[in-house]
Protein backbone atom coordinates (compact mmCIF):
# COMPACT_ATOMS: atom_id res chain seq x y z
CA SER A 1 -0.44 0.13 0.07
CA GLU A 2 1.48 3.65 -0.77
CA THR A 3 2.20 6.07 1.77
CA ALA A 4 0.69 9.02 2.96
CA VAL A 5 3.65 10.70 3.51
CA GLU A 6 6.34 11.17 1.01
CA PHE A 7 9.73 9.60 2.34
CA SER A 8 13.41 10.51 1.45
CA LYS A 9 15.17 8.47 -0.58
CA ASP A 10 17.49 7.91 1.29
CA SER A 11 18.46 4.31 3.01
CA ILE A 12 17.21 4.61 6.34
CA SER A 13 14.63 6.57 5.27
CA ARG A 14 13.30 3.70 3.07
CA GLN A 15 13.86 1.71 4.70
CA LEU A 16 11.20 2.97 7.50
CA GLU A 17 9.39 3.33 4.43
CA THR A 18 8.73 0.19 4.16
CA VAL A 19 8.51 -0.83 7.20
CA ALA A 20 5.51 1.51 7.49
CA ARG A 21 3.78 0.05 4.34
CA LEU A 22 4.13 -3.25 6.10
CA ILE A 23 2.54 -2.44 8.84
CA SER A 24 -0.82 -0.91 7.15
CA THR A 25 -1.28 -4.42 5.61
CA ARG A 26 -1.29 -5.91 9.60
CA ARG A 27 -5.09 -7.09 9.53
CA CYS A 28 -4.50 -8.01 5.99
CA ARG A 29 -1.98 -10.50 7.41
CA GLY A 30 -3.31 -11.43 10.03
CA VAL A 31 -0.72 -10.46 12.50
CA GLU A 32 -1.12 -9.02 16.38
CA ARG A 33 3.42 -8.57 16.67
CA GLU A 34 6.11 -8.47 14.06
CA VAL A 35 9.45 -7.19 14.83
CA PHE A 36 11.46 -4.91 12.06
CA TYR A 37 15.51 -4.79 11.86
CA VAL A 38 16.96 -1.21 9.95
CA LYS A 39 19.85 -0.29 9.53
CA SER A 40 22.09 3.17 9.43
CA GLY A 41 25.46 3.42 8.32
CA GLY A 42 28.11 6.07 8.01
CA TRP A 43 28.62 6.73 11.75
CA ASP A 44 32.04 4.85 12.78
CA THR A 45 33.47 8.46 12.45
CA HIS A 46 37.40 8.12 12.80
CA ASP A 47 37.47 11.54 10.38
CA ASP A 48 35.81 14.65 9.21
CA MET A 49 33.51 13.57 12.41
CA ASN A 50 31.82 17.35 12.44
CA ARG A 51 30.74 17.71 8.58
CA ARG A 52 29.95 13.67 8.70
CA LEU A 53 27.98 13.52 11.79
CA GLY A 54 25.66 16.89 10.41
CA LYS A 55 24.66 15.63 7.43
CA ASN A 56 23.94 11.81 9.08
CA PHE A 57 21.46 13.93 12.34
CA GLU A 58 19.84 15.24 8.97
CA GLU A 59 18.72 12.47 7.88
CA LEU A 60 18.00 10.40 10.50
CA ASP A 61 15.74 13.06 11.73
CA GLU A 62 14.24 13.35 8.50
CA SER A 63 13.23 9.74 8.01
CA LEU A 64 12.15 9.67 11.86
CA THR A 65 9.89 12.50 11.28
CA SER A 66 8.54 10.91 7.98
CA PHE A 67 7.72 7.60 10.50
CA VAL A 68 6.22 9.26 13.18
CA LYS A 69 3.61 10.85 10.81
CA GLU A 70 3.02 7.94 8.66
CA LEU A 71 2.43 5.51 12.08
CA LYS A 72 -0.43 8.26 13.21
CA ASP A 73 -1.82 8.63 10.03
CA LEU A 74 -2.42 4.90 10.40
CA GLY A 75 -3.26 5.27 13.96
CA MET A 76 -0.13 2.79 14.68
CA PHE A 77 2.01 5.24 16.70
CA GLU A 78 0.49 4.19 20.32
CA ASP A 79 1.02 0.90 19.06
CA VAL A 80 4.36 0.97 18.08
CA VAL A 81 8.24 1.06 20.16
CA MET A 82 11.73 3.03 18.43
CA VAL A 83 14.81 1.82 20.04
CA MET A 84 18.10 2.44 18.77
CA HIS A 85 21.14 1.37 19.82
CA SER A 86 24.72 1.52 18.94
CA ASP A 87 27.12 -1.55 19.40
CA PHE A 88 29.77 0.82 21.11
CA GLY A 89 29.73 3.93 21.46
CA ARG A 90 32.65 6.83 20.91
CA THR A 91 35.32 8.67 22.71
CA LEU A 92 34.76 11.69 24.14
CA THR A 93 38.27 13.55 23.22
CA PRO A 94 39.46 13.80 18.80
CA ASN A 95 41.71 12.15 17.23
CA SER A 96 44.52 14.28 14.74
CA ARG A 97 41.97 13.61 11.67
CA GLY A 98 38.83 15.68 13.32
CA GLY A 99 37.26 11.95 14.65
CA SER A 100 36.40 9.87 17.62
CA ASP A 101 37.49 6.53 17.81
CA HIS A 102 35.63 3.02 19.49
CA GLY A 103 34.47 4.12 22.72
CA TRP A 104 32.38 2.00 25.77
CA GLY A 105 29.31 3.84 26.81
CA GLY A 106 27.47 6.11 25.00
CA ASN A 107 23.92 7.09 24.57
CA SER A 108 20.45 5.48 23.01
CA PHE A 109 16.86 6.18 22.47
CA VAL A 110 13.95 5.46 22.39
CA ILE A 111 10.27 6.45 20.84
CA GLY A 112 6.77 5.51 20.83
CA GLY A 113 3.29 7.04 21.04
CA ALA A 114 3.76 5.13 24.57
CA VAL A 115 6.74 6.13 25.76
CA LYS A 116 7.04 8.90 28.21
CA GLY A 117 10.01 11.58 26.34
CA GLY A 118 11.44 14.07 27.26
CA ARG A 119 13.77 12.40 30.07
CA ILE A 120 17.31 11.30 30.11
CA ILE A 121 16.73 7.99 32.68
CA GLY A 122 20.12 5.84 33.59
CA LYS A 123 23.05 7.69 35.10
CA TYR A 124 24.86 9.98 33.62
CA PRO A 125 28.68 10.64 34.52
CA GLY A 126 29.12 13.22 36.59
CA ASP A 127 32.47 13.84 35.76
CA LEU A 128 34.34 13.44 32.28
CA THR A 129 37.84 14.94 33.03
CA ASP A 130 40.48 12.63 32.83
CA SER A 131 40.55 11.80 36.89
CA GLY A 132 36.33 11.08 36.30
CA PRO A 133 35.77 7.84 38.16
CA LEU A 134 34.41 6.21 34.79
CA ASN A 135 36.48 7.31 32.53
CA LEU A 136 38.89 4.84 31.36
CA GLY A 137 41.71 7.20 29.25
CA ARG A 138 40.75 9.54 26.16
CA GLY A 139 37.48 9.73 27.28
CA ARG A 140 35.97 5.61 26.73
CA VAL A 141 33.86 5.59 29.69
CA LEU A 142 32.46 3.01 31.35
CA PRO A 143 28.60 2.10 30.81
CA THR A 144 26.33 2.34 33.86
CA THR A 145 22.91 0.91 32.28
CA SER A 146 23.51 -2.46 30.46
CA TYR A 147 20.80 -3.45 27.72
CA GLU A 148 19.05 -5.43 29.91
CA SER A 149 18.10 -2.49 31.33
CA VAL A 150 16.00 -1.28 28.47
CA TRP A 151 15.39 -4.96 27.39
CA ASN A 152 13.35 -5.69 30.34
CA ALA A 153 10.89 -3.21 30.12
CA ILE A 154 10.36 -3.45 26.35
CA ALA A 155 10.17 -7.16 26.37
CA LEU A 156 6.82 -6.76 29.15
CA TRP A 157 5.64 -3.94 27.21
CA PHE A 158 6.02 -7.09 24.14
CA GLY A 159 4.18 -8.99 25.88
CA VAL A 160 6.97 -11.13 27.68
CA LYS A 161 5.47 -12.95 30.75
CA GLU A 162 7.97 -11.78 33.75
CA ASP A 163 8.92 -15.51 34.07
CA ASP A 164 10.06 -16.20 31.01
CA LEU A 165 12.63 -12.73 31.34
CA GLY A 166 15.13 -15.24 32.23
CA GLU A 167 15.08 -16.92 29.08
CA VAL A 168 14.48 -14.01 26.61
CA LEU A 169 17.63 -12.34 28.26
CA PRO A 170 19.86 -14.57 30.11
CA ASN A 171 22.11 -11.79 30.89
CA ARG A 172 19.26 -10.08 33.15
CA GLN A 173 20.07 -10.63 36.78
CA SER A 174 23.46 -9.69 36.64
CA PHE A 175 21.52 -6.45 36.54
CA ALA A 176 18.76 -7.40 38.64
CA GLY A 177 18.77 -3.67 40.95
CA ASN A 178 19.49 -1.53 37.79
CA LEU A 179 16.87 -3.11 35.42
CA PHE A 180 13.66 -0.32 34.02
CA SER A 181 10.09 -1.06 34.83
CA LEU A 182 7.06 -1.01 32.42
CA GLU A 183 6.45 2.04 34.79
CA ASP A 184 10.04 3.53 33.95
CA ILE A 185 9.40 4.18 30.34
CA PHE A 186 5.73 3.83 29.15
CA HIS A 187 3.40 5.85 30.57
CA ASN A 188 0.40 3.31 31.22
CA GLY A 189 2.87 1.08 33.39
CA GLU A 190 1.37 -1.71 31.50
CA ASP A 191 1.73 -3.99 28.17
CA ALA A 192 1.02 -3.76 24.77
CA ASN A 193 -3.10 -5.17 23.42
CA SER A 194 -3.06 -7.49 21.43
CA THR A 195 -3.73 -5.72 16.99
CA LYS A 196 -7.18 -7.28 16.27
CA THR A 197 -7.69 -8.10 13.25
CA ASN A 198 -12.22 -8.18 13.05
CA GLY A 199 -11.81 -9.86 9.58
CA GLU A 200 -11.02 -7.48 7.95
CA THR A 201 -9.51 -8.34 4.35
CA CYS A 202 -7.38 -7.36 1.52
CA SER A 203 -6.90 -7.33 -2.17
CA VAL A 204 -4.95 -9.71 -3.78
CA GLU A 205 -3.01 -6.51 -5.82
CA GLN A 206 -2.81 -5.06 -1.96
CA LEU A 207 -1.28 -8.13 -0.04
CA GLN A 208 1.51 -8.52 -3.25
CA LYS A 209 2.96 -5.17 -3.12
CA THR A 210 4.10 -5.87 0.59
CA CYS A 211 3.99 -9.76 0.38
CA ARG A 212 4.53 -12.81 -1.42
CA TYR A 213 2.85 -16.32 -1.20
CA ASP A 214 4.52 -18.93 -0.04
CA ASP A 215 3.24 -22.08 -0.77
CA ASP A 216 4.89 -23.88 2.45
CA GLU A 217 3.23 -21.81 4.72
CA ASP A 218 0.21 -21.88 2.84
CA GLY A 219 0.01 -17.80 3.13
CA TRP A 220 1.43 -14.51 2.53
CA THR A 221 4.53 -14.24 3.43
CA PRO A 222 6.30 -10.20 3.58
CA TYR A 223 9.40 -9.56 1.25
CA GLY A 224 12.27 -10.21 2.72
CA ARG A 225 11.47 -13.16 5.23
CA ALA A 226 13.10 -15.21 3.14
CA GLY A 227 15.52 -13.67 2.09
CA ARG A 228 14.05 -12.88 -1.70
CA TYR A 229 16.88 -10.54 -2.51
CA GLY A 230 20.15 -12.67 -1.50
CA GLY A 231 22.04 -12.19 2.12
CA TYR A 232 20.85 -10.90 4.78
CA GLY A 233 23.86 -8.15 5.73
CA ASN A 234 24.94 -7.89 10.06
CA SER A 235 22.31 -8.67 12.13
CA GLY A 236 22.11 -8.94 16.17
CA ILE A 237 20.18 -6.90 18.83
CA THR A 238 23.73 -5.58 19.90
CA ASN A 239 24.78 -4.85 16.63
CA MET A 240 22.33 -2.35 15.82
CA ALA A 241 25.22 0.00 15.38
CA ALA A 242 23.78 1.85 12.90
CA PHE A 243 19.85 2.06 14.15
CA LEU A 244 16.61 1.45 14.93
CA LEU A 245 15.12 -1.76 16.40
CA LEU A 246 11.48 -1.46 15.46
CA ILE A 247 9.22 -3.40 17.33
CA VAL A 248 5.66 -3.17 15.38
CA GLY A 249 2.27 -5.23 15.02
CA ILE A 250 0.51 -3.66 17.65
CA ILE A 251 4.49 -3.47 19.22
CA ALA A 252 6.88 -2.85 16.57
CA LEU A 253 10.17 -3.03 18.55
CA CYS A 254 12.89 -0.77 16.94
CA SER A 255 16.34 -1.17 17.22
CA ILE A 256 19.31 -1.10 14.37
CA ALA A 257 20.29 -4.35 13.06
CA THR A 258 19.77 -5.39 8.93
CA CYS A 259 18.93 -4.80 6.06
CA CYS A 260 20.35 -5.54 2.43
CA TRP A 261 20.81 -3.52 0.04
CA ARG A 262 22.39 -3.90 -2.93
CA ARG A 263 21.82 -2.25 -6.35
CA SER A 264 20.83 -4.99 -8.85
CA ALA A 265 18.21 -6.48 -6.51
CA GLU A 266 16.95 -2.47 -6.18
CA LYS A 267 16.69 -3.18 -9.89
CA ARG A 268 14.43 -5.90 -9.63
CA ARG A 269 12.21 -4.48 -6.94
CA ARG A 270 11.72 -2.32 -8.94
CA GLU A 271 11.16 -3.98 -12.18
CA ALA A 272 8.78 -6.25 -9.66
CA PHE A 273 7.50 -3.39 -8.32
CA ALA A 274 8.59 -5.03 -4.81
CA PRO A 275 8.78 -2.51 -2.15
CA PRO A 276 13.03 -1.95 0.19
CA GLU A 277 13.75 -5.22 2.03
CA VAL A 278 13.48 -5.74 5.28
CA ILE A 279 14.39 -8.29 7.15
CA LEU A 280 11.98 -10.56 9.41
């Protein structure tokens, strides 16, 4: 299906546009919850950091603005959570090439209609000087908040039961005193409700724009689930070096990790009128 909002042509915008198109067909496909991974590269700024970072931020800001507008138009903003993560932070001091090098601690963000926004949660370093207790040298900051802290709340919101969190987050108990609750991140402190299909149907032509028919599963499958156009690229929740893991359906968990973009694949997509690939 077409989007109400016009997205830009950069990589992250096109990926988010595809996610939005898939969300719009959620009732046709009879899904309750989905997870989408999208990736944005170019953040490993060992040189020319000011120029490169400014350009990246502009693209990211524009793509997120379009995506949020589209979600609101679909009436799905309250049911989508976007989580950004990177696999490492940056040094706070520059190198000789006007860039920064690999660090440890860094910042992440969470966006969604159900999220208590406009706040910094976690512990911000009180001393960023060379003598600061969290500074390991060159501004490589020791993290004080684990990935498990954030994912603990998001997994609960996604519908994971308390008793199952240890299986979903096996290192969770190592940070037992530093885990965010539903109330810490979400307005109502409750998990999301399942999306109901209500028997809604759509035409084959609508489905063909975002899905293919899978004879083995005897049903419609979004493009990319079976690697229709080749490799999967880099994946993994903690390797979201670029951006945004999206959990969608009623819940889109958004953070960052993987879409494979190739020119030849793009050409085949255009010829087949298929959307860009999203790995589910």
